[in-house]
C-alpha cells in the first residue's frame, strides 16, 4: 500500500514473486528482478499472463543500474546476503535506477535478531546490520531516511536495537542534488 498509485516500481530480489504479486495490485507496473535466473524462469512460467502489469527480468543490480527510471523500489530480505564489499554497488545502482523523487524501501533482519536465527540462516546472513548502521548507509544515497522497526506484527518507530526486523524508507536519491 505504500506504493499505492505509483506508475512504475522496481523490486530488487524478487525470488518466487510473492511480494511482486502483492505490490502489483497497487501500482500501474512493476519490474521484478533477481540475479538468480531459476527464480525468474519459475516466475515467468507460473505467472506470465496472470498479471499484465508485472515484468520479471533476470538482472544483477550489483552490476549496473537499470536503464529505466522508476518512481519507487523495494528490496526485502536481500542486503543481509550481499557481500559487504559489494554493498556500495547494490545501494548506488538502486538509487541510480530511481527518478529524482524516487522512494526506496529496504527491509532486513536486524543484527540483534541473529542470536535467535537458525544456524543455516546465520550462515547466509553475511551482512546483517544494526538500525543505526542501516540508517547511516541509506543516508549516503538518499536525502531523507525514515527508520522503522518490527517485532512480530507490530511496526514501530521505537528503540531499533530491540527490533527483530528493520525497514528504511528512503526518499530522493542524492544523485539529483
C-alpha atoms as a PDB file:
ATOM      1  CA  UNK A   1       0.000   0.000   0.000  1.00  0.00           C
ATOM      2  CA  UNK A   2       2.945   2.384   0.472  1.00  0.00           C
ATOM      3  CA  UNK A   3       3.342   2.444  -3.306  1.00  0.00           C
ATOM      4  CA  UNK A   4      -0.386   2.842  -3.983  1.00  0.00           C
ATOM      5  CA  UNK A   5      -0.891   4.820  -7.188  1.00  0.00           C
ATOM      6  CA  UNK A   6       2.764   4.791  -8.270  1.00  0.00           C
ATOM      7  CA  UNK A   7       3.354   4.316 -12.002  1.00  0.00           C
ATOM      8  CA  UNK A   8       6.398   2.044 -12.100  1.00  0.00           C
ATOM      9  CA  UNK A   9       8.072   0.179  -9.270  1.00  0.00           C
ATOM     10  CA  UNK A  10      11.243  -1.914  -9.131  1.00  0.00           C
ATOM     11  CA  UNK A  11      11.572  -4.941  -6.873  1.00  0.00           C
ATOM     12  CA  UNK A  12      15.175  -5.990  -6.267  1.00  0.00           C
ATOM     13  CA  UNK A  13      15.469  -9.649  -5.306  1.00  0.00           C
ATOM     14  CA  UNK A  14      12.009 -10.960  -6.170  1.00  0.00           C
ATOM     15  CA  UNK A  15      12.739 -14.661  -5.567  1.00  0.00           C
ATOM     16  CA  UNK A  16       9.494 -16.553  -6.234  1.00  0.00           C
ATOM     17  CA  UNK A  17       7.385 -13.431  -6.858  1.00  0.00           C
ATOM     18  CA  UNK A  18       5.146 -13.346  -3.779  1.00  0.00           C
ATOM     19  CA  UNK A  19       5.925  -9.721  -2.907  1.00  0.00           C
ATOM     20  CA  UNK A  20       5.676  -8.828  -6.582  1.00  0.00           C
ATOM     21  CA  UNK A  21       2.101 -10.080  -6.776  1.00  0.00           C
ATOM     22  CA  UNK A  22       1.077  -8.198  -3.625  1.00  0.00           C
ATOM     23  CA  UNK A  23       2.577  -4.878  -4.752  1.00  0.00           C
ATOM     24  CA  UNK A  24       1.295  -5.297  -8.329  1.00  0.00           C
ATOM     25  CA  UNK A  25      -2.266  -4.802  -7.061  1.00  0.00           C
ATOM     26  CA  UNK A  26      -1.488  -1.215  -6.003  1.00  0.00           C
ATOM     27  CA  UNK A  27       0.714   0.062  -8.865  1.00  0.00           C
ATOM     28  CA  UNK A  28       0.463   0.600 -12.591  1.00  0.00           C
ATOM     29  CA  UNK A  29       3.512  -1.561 -13.388  1.00  0.00           C
ATOM     30  CA  UNK A  30       6.235  -3.441 -11.549  1.00  0.00           C
ATOM     31  CA  UNK A  31       9.554  -4.794 -12.780  1.00  0.00           C
ATOM     32  CA  UNK A  32      10.823  -7.608 -10.582  1.00  0.00           C
ATOM     33  CA  UNK A  33      14.473  -8.577 -10.855  1.00  0.00           C
ATOM     34  CA  UNK A  34      16.651 -11.275  -9.391  1.00  0.00           C
ATOM     35  CA  UNK A  35      20.211 -12.295 -10.201  1.00  0.00           C
ATOM     36  CA  UNK A  36      19.273 -15.967  -9.764  1.00  0.00           C
ATOM     37  CA  UNK A  37      17.857 -16.958 -13.155  1.00  0.00           C
ATOM     38  CA  UNK A  38      15.941 -20.071 -11.968  1.00  0.00           C
ATOM     39  CA  UNK A  39      13.736 -17.810  -9.822  1.00  0.00           C
ATOM     40  CA  UNK A  40      12.972 -15.603 -12.818  1.00  0.00           C
ATOM     41  CA  UNK A  41      12.229 -18.577 -15.068  1.00  0.00           C
ATOM     42  CA  UNK A  42       9.905 -20.003 -12.418  1.00  0.00           C
ATOM     43  CA  UNK A  43       8.062 -16.682 -12.098  1.00  0.00           C
ATOM     44  CA  UNK A  44       7.746 -16.308 -15.853  1.00  0.00           C
ATOM     45  CA  UNK A  45       6.391 -19.847 -16.230  1.00  0.00           C
ATOM     46  CA  UNK A  46       3.922 -19.614 -13.335  1.00  0.00           C
ATOM     47  CA  UNK A  47       2.775 -16.000 -13.511  1.00  0.00           C
ATOM     48  CA  UNK A  48       3.060 -14.706 -17.071  1.00  0.00           C
ATOM     49  CA  UNK A  49      -0.406 -13.985 -18.418  1.00  0.00           C
ATOM     50  CA  UNK A  50      -1.993 -13.863 -14.972  1.00  0.00           C
ATOM     51  CA  UNK A  51      -0.761 -10.333 -14.220  1.00  0.00           C
ATOM     52  CA  UNK A  52      -0.369  -7.956 -17.132  1.00  0.00           C
ATOM     53  CA  UNK A  53       1.458  -5.270 -15.117  1.00  0.00           C
ATOM     54  CA  UNK A  54       4.407  -7.440 -13.995  1.00  0.00           C
ATOM     55  CA  UNK A  55       7.695  -7.884 -15.839  1.00  0.00           C
ATOM     56  CA  UNK A  56      10.120 -10.472 -14.442  1.00  0.00           C
ATOM     57  CA  UNK A  57      13.701  -9.972 -15.529  1.00  0.00           C
ATOM     58  CA  UNK A  58      16.981 -11.694 -14.762  1.00  0.00           C
ATOM     59  CA  UNK A  59      19.310  -8.884 -13.703  1.00  0.00           C
ATOM     60  CA  UNK A  60      22.026  -8.377 -11.081  1.00  0.00           C
ATOM     61  CA  UNK A  61      21.702  -4.863  -9.620  1.00  0.00           C
ATOM     62  CA  UNK A  62      25.285  -5.092  -8.345  1.00  0.00           C
ATOM     63  CA  UNK A  63      26.500  -4.940 -11.959  1.00  0.00           C
ATOM     64  CA  UNK A  64      24.679  -1.764 -13.055  1.00  0.00           C
ATOM     65  CA  UNK A  65      21.548   0.341 -12.621  1.00  0.00           C
ATOM     66  CA  UNK A  66      18.573  -0.337 -14.876  1.00  0.00           C
ATOM     67  CA  UNK A  67      18.083   1.921 -17.899  1.00  0.00           C
ATOM     68  CA  UNK A  68      14.516   2.772 -16.916  1.00  0.00           C
ATOM     69  CA  UNK A  69      13.917   5.278 -14.111  1.00  0.00           C
ATOM     70  CA  UNK A  70      11.430   4.078 -11.522  1.00  0.00           C
ATOM     71  CA  UNK A  71       9.136   6.013  -9.163  1.00  0.00           C
ATOM     72  CA  UNK A  72       9.968   3.618  -6.364  1.00  0.00           C
ATOM     73  CA  UNK A  73      11.872   0.471  -5.476  1.00  0.00           C
ATOM     74  CA  UNK A  74      11.902  -2.058  -2.701  1.00  0.00           C
ATOM     75  CA  UNK A  75      14.293  -4.774  -1.617  1.00  0.00           C
ATOM     76  CA  UNK A  76      13.275  -7.016   1.267  1.00  0.00           C
ATOM     77  CA  UNK A  77      15.485  -9.713   2.750  1.00  0.00           C
ATOM     78  CA  UNK A  78      18.323  -9.084   0.281  1.00  0.00           C
ATOM     79  CA  UNK A  79      21.006  -6.801   1.744  1.00  0.00           C
ATOM     80  CA  UNK A  80      21.866  -9.277   4.507  1.00  0.00           C
ATOM     81  CA  UNK A  81      23.005 -11.670   1.753  1.00  0.00           C
ATOM     82  CA  UNK A  82      25.140  -9.070  -0.087  1.00  0.00           C
ATOM     83  CA  UNK A  83      28.895  -9.205   0.376  1.00  0.00           C
ATOM     84  CA  UNK A  84      29.830  -6.017   2.275  1.00  0.00           C
ATOM     85  CA  UNK A  85      32.396  -5.229  -0.449  1.00  0.00           C
ATOM     86  CA  UNK A  86      29.533  -5.182  -2.999  1.00  0.00           C
ATOM     87  CA  UNK A  87      27.126  -3.190  -0.812  1.00  0.00           C
ATOM     88  CA  UNK A  88      28.072   0.242  -2.297  1.00  0.00           C
ATOM     89  CA  UNK A  89      27.300  -1.014  -5.833  1.00  0.00           C
ATOM     90  CA  UNK A  90      23.990  -2.504  -4.663  1.00  0.00           C
ATOM     91  CA  UNK A  91      22.916   0.751  -2.983  1.00  0.00           C
ATOM     92  CA  UNK A  92      24.198   3.122  -5.681  1.00  0.00           C
ATOM     93  CA  UNK A  93      22.697   1.150  -8.567  1.00  0.00           C
ATOM     94  CA  UNK A  94      19.288   1.056  -6.908  1.00  0.00           C
ATOM     95  CA  UNK A  95      19.434   4.829  -6.292  1.00  0.00           C
ATOM     96  CA  UNK A  96      20.586   5.354  -9.897  1.00  0.00           C
ATOM     97  CA  UNK A  97      17.554   3.390 -11.117  1.00  0.00           C
ATOM     98  CA  UNK A  98      15.150   5.878  -9.491  1.00  0.00           C
ATOM     99  CA  UNK A  99      13.826   9.212 -10.687  1.00  0.00           C
ATOM    100  CA  UNK A 100      14.625  12.379  -8.710  1.00  0.00           C
ATOM    101  CA  UNK A 101      11.707  11.954  -6.279  1.00  0.00           C
ATOM    102  CA  UNK A 102      12.140   8.198  -6.064  1.00  0.00           C
ATOM    103  CA  UNK A 103      11.330   6.236  -2.941  1.00  0.00           C
ATOM    104  CA  UNK A 104      13.238   3.143  -1.812  1.00  0.00           C
ATOM    105  CA  UNK A 105      12.128   0.723   0.903  1.00  0.00           C
ATOM    106  CA  UNK A 106      14.835  -1.506   2.349  1.00  0.00           C
ATOM    107  CA  UNK A 107      13.960  -4.327   4.738  1.00  0.00           C
ATOM    108  CA  UNK A 108      16.335  -6.614   6.606  1.00  0.00           C
ATOM    109  CA  UNK A 109      16.619  -8.651   9.785  1.00  0.00           C
ATOM    110  CA  UNK A 110      18.493  -6.695  12.452  1.00  0.00           C
ATOM    111  CA  UNK A 111      21.943  -7.681  13.608  1.00  0.00           C
ATOM    112  CA  UNK A 112      20.490  -8.042  17.095  1.00  0.00           C
ATOM    113  CA  UNK A 113      17.968 -10.653  15.869  1.00  0.00           C
ATOM    114  CA  UNK A 114      20.657 -13.018  14.665  1.00  0.00           C
ATOM    115  CA  UNK A 115      21.157 -14.574  18.075  1.00  0.00           C
ATOM    116  CA  UNK A 116      17.689 -16.127  17.586  1.00  0.00           C
ATOM    117  CA  UNK A 117      18.217 -17.223  13.965  1.00  0.00           C
ATOM    118  CA  UNK A 118      18.919 -20.803  12.941  1.00  0.00           C
ATOM    119  CA  UNK A 119      22.486 -21.823  12.105  1.00  0.00           C
ATOM    120  CA  UNK A 120      21.519 -22.144   8.423  1.00  0.00           C
ATOM    121  CA  UNK A 121      20.027 -18.667   8.390  1.00  0.00           C
ATOM    122  CA  UNK A 122      23.073 -17.195  10.101  1.00  0.00           C
ATOM    123  CA  UNK A 123      25.376 -18.763   7.508  1.00  0.00           C
ATOM    124  CA  UNK A 124      23.543 -16.970   4.696  1.00  0.00           C
ATOM    125  CA  UNK A 125      23.265 -13.677   6.564  1.00  0.00           C
ATOM    126  CA  UNK A 126      26.716 -12.278   5.896  1.00  0.00           C
ATOM    127  CA  UNK A 127      25.765  -8.602   6.148  1.00  0.00           C
ATOM    128  CA  UNK A 128      23.288  -8.058   8.983  1.00  0.00           C
ATOM    129  CA  UNK A 129      23.458  -4.591  10.488  1.00  0.00           C
ATOM    130  CA  UNK A 130      22.027  -2.546  13.313  1.00  0.00           C
ATOM    131  CA  UNK A 131      19.352   0.062  12.694  1.00  0.00           C
ATOM    132  CA  UNK A 132      21.923   2.847  13.105  1.00  0.00           C
ATOM    133  CA  UNK A 133      24.213   1.206  10.530  1.00  0.00           C
ATOM    134  CA  UNK A 134      21.340   0.844   8.045  1.00  0.00           C
ATOM    135  CA  UNK A 135      20.332   4.475   8.529  1.00  0.00           C
ATOM    136  CA  UNK A 136      23.919   5.666   8.060  1.00  0.00           C
ATOM    137  CA  UNK A 137      24.235   3.547   4.914  1.00  0.00           C
ATOM    138  CA  UNK A 138      20.987   4.837   3.408  1.00  0.00           C
ATOM    139  CA  UNK A 139      21.838   8.485   4.202  1.00  0.00           C
ATOM    140  CA  UNK A 140      24.833   8.179   1.871  1.00  0.00           C
ATOM    141  CA  UNK A 141      22.442   7.697  -1.060  1.00  0.00           C
ATOM    142  CA  UNK A 142      19.170   9.458  -0.081  1.00  0.00           C
ATOM    143  CA  UNK A 143      18.240  12.903   1.209  1.00  0.00           C
ATOM    144  CA  UNK A 144      15.712  11.592   3.742  1.00  0.00           C
ATOM    145  CA  UNK A 145      15.663   8.282   5.594  1.00  0.00           C
ATOM    146  CA  UNK A 146      12.878   7.211   7.951  1.00  0.00           C
ATOM    147  CA  UNK A 147      13.544   4.183  10.132  1.00  0.00           C
ATOM    148  CA  UNK A 148      11.015   1.646  11.374  1.00  0.00           C
ATOM    149  CA  UNK A 149      11.403  -1.458  13.478  1.00  0.00           C
ATOM    150  CA  UNK A 150       9.188  -4.519  13.505  1.00  0.00           C
ATOM    151  CA  UNK A 151       8.551  -7.158  16.134  1.00  0.00           C
ATOM    152  CA  UNK A 152       6.017  -9.843  15.374  1.00  0.00           C
ATOM    153  CA  UNK A 153       3.228  -7.945  13.561  1.00  0.00           C
ATOM    154  CA  UNK A 154       3.952  -4.553  15.116  1.00  0.00           C
ATOM    155  CA  UNK A 155       5.661  -1.822  13.102  1.00  0.00           C
ATOM    156  CA  UNK A 156       7.099   0.983  15.221  1.00  0.00           C
ATOM    157  CA  UNK A 157       9.474   3.931  15.345  1.00  0.00           C
ATOM    158  CA  UNK A 158      10.742   2.918  18.763  1.00  0.00           C
ATOM    159  CA  UNK A 159      14.074   1.637  20.027  1.00  0.00           C
ATOM    160  CA  UNK A 160      15.702  -0.026  16.991  1.00  0.00           C
ATOM    161  CA  UNK A 161      18.112  -2.277  18.941  1.00  0.00           C
ATOM    162  CA  UNK A 162      15.038  -4.179  20.154  1.00  0.00           C
ATOM    163  CA  UNK A 163      13.614  -4.612  16.633  1.00  0.00           C
ATOM    164  CA  UNK A 164      13.760  -8.017  15.038  1.00  0.00           C
ATOM    165  CA  UNK A 165      13.368  -6.555  11.533  1.00  0.00           C
ATOM    166  CA  UNK A 166      14.322  -3.112  10.225  1.00  0.00           C
ATOM    167  CA  UNK A 167      12.740  -1.018   7.487  1.00  0.00           C
ATOM    168  CA  UNK A 168      14.355   2.074   5.997  1.00  0.00           C
ATOM    169  CA  UNK A 169      12.097   4.344   3.948  1.00  0.00           C
ATOM    170  CA  UNK A 170      14.464   6.347   1.736  1.00  0.00           C
ATOM    171  CA  UNK A 171      13.335   9.387  -0.250  1.00  0.00           C
ATOM    172  CA  UNK A 172      15.015  11.457  -3.002  1.00  0.00           C
ATOM    173  CA  UNK A 173      18.246   9.906  -4.275  1.00  0.00           C
ATOM    174  CA  UNK A 174      21.206  12.224  -3.699  1.00  0.00           C
ATOM    175  CA  UNK A 175      22.446  11.880  -7.280  1.00  0.00           C
ATOM    176  CA  UNK A 176      19.959  14.606  -8.239  1.00  0.00           C
ATOM    177  CA  UNK A 177      21.058  17.052  -5.527  1.00  0.00           C
END
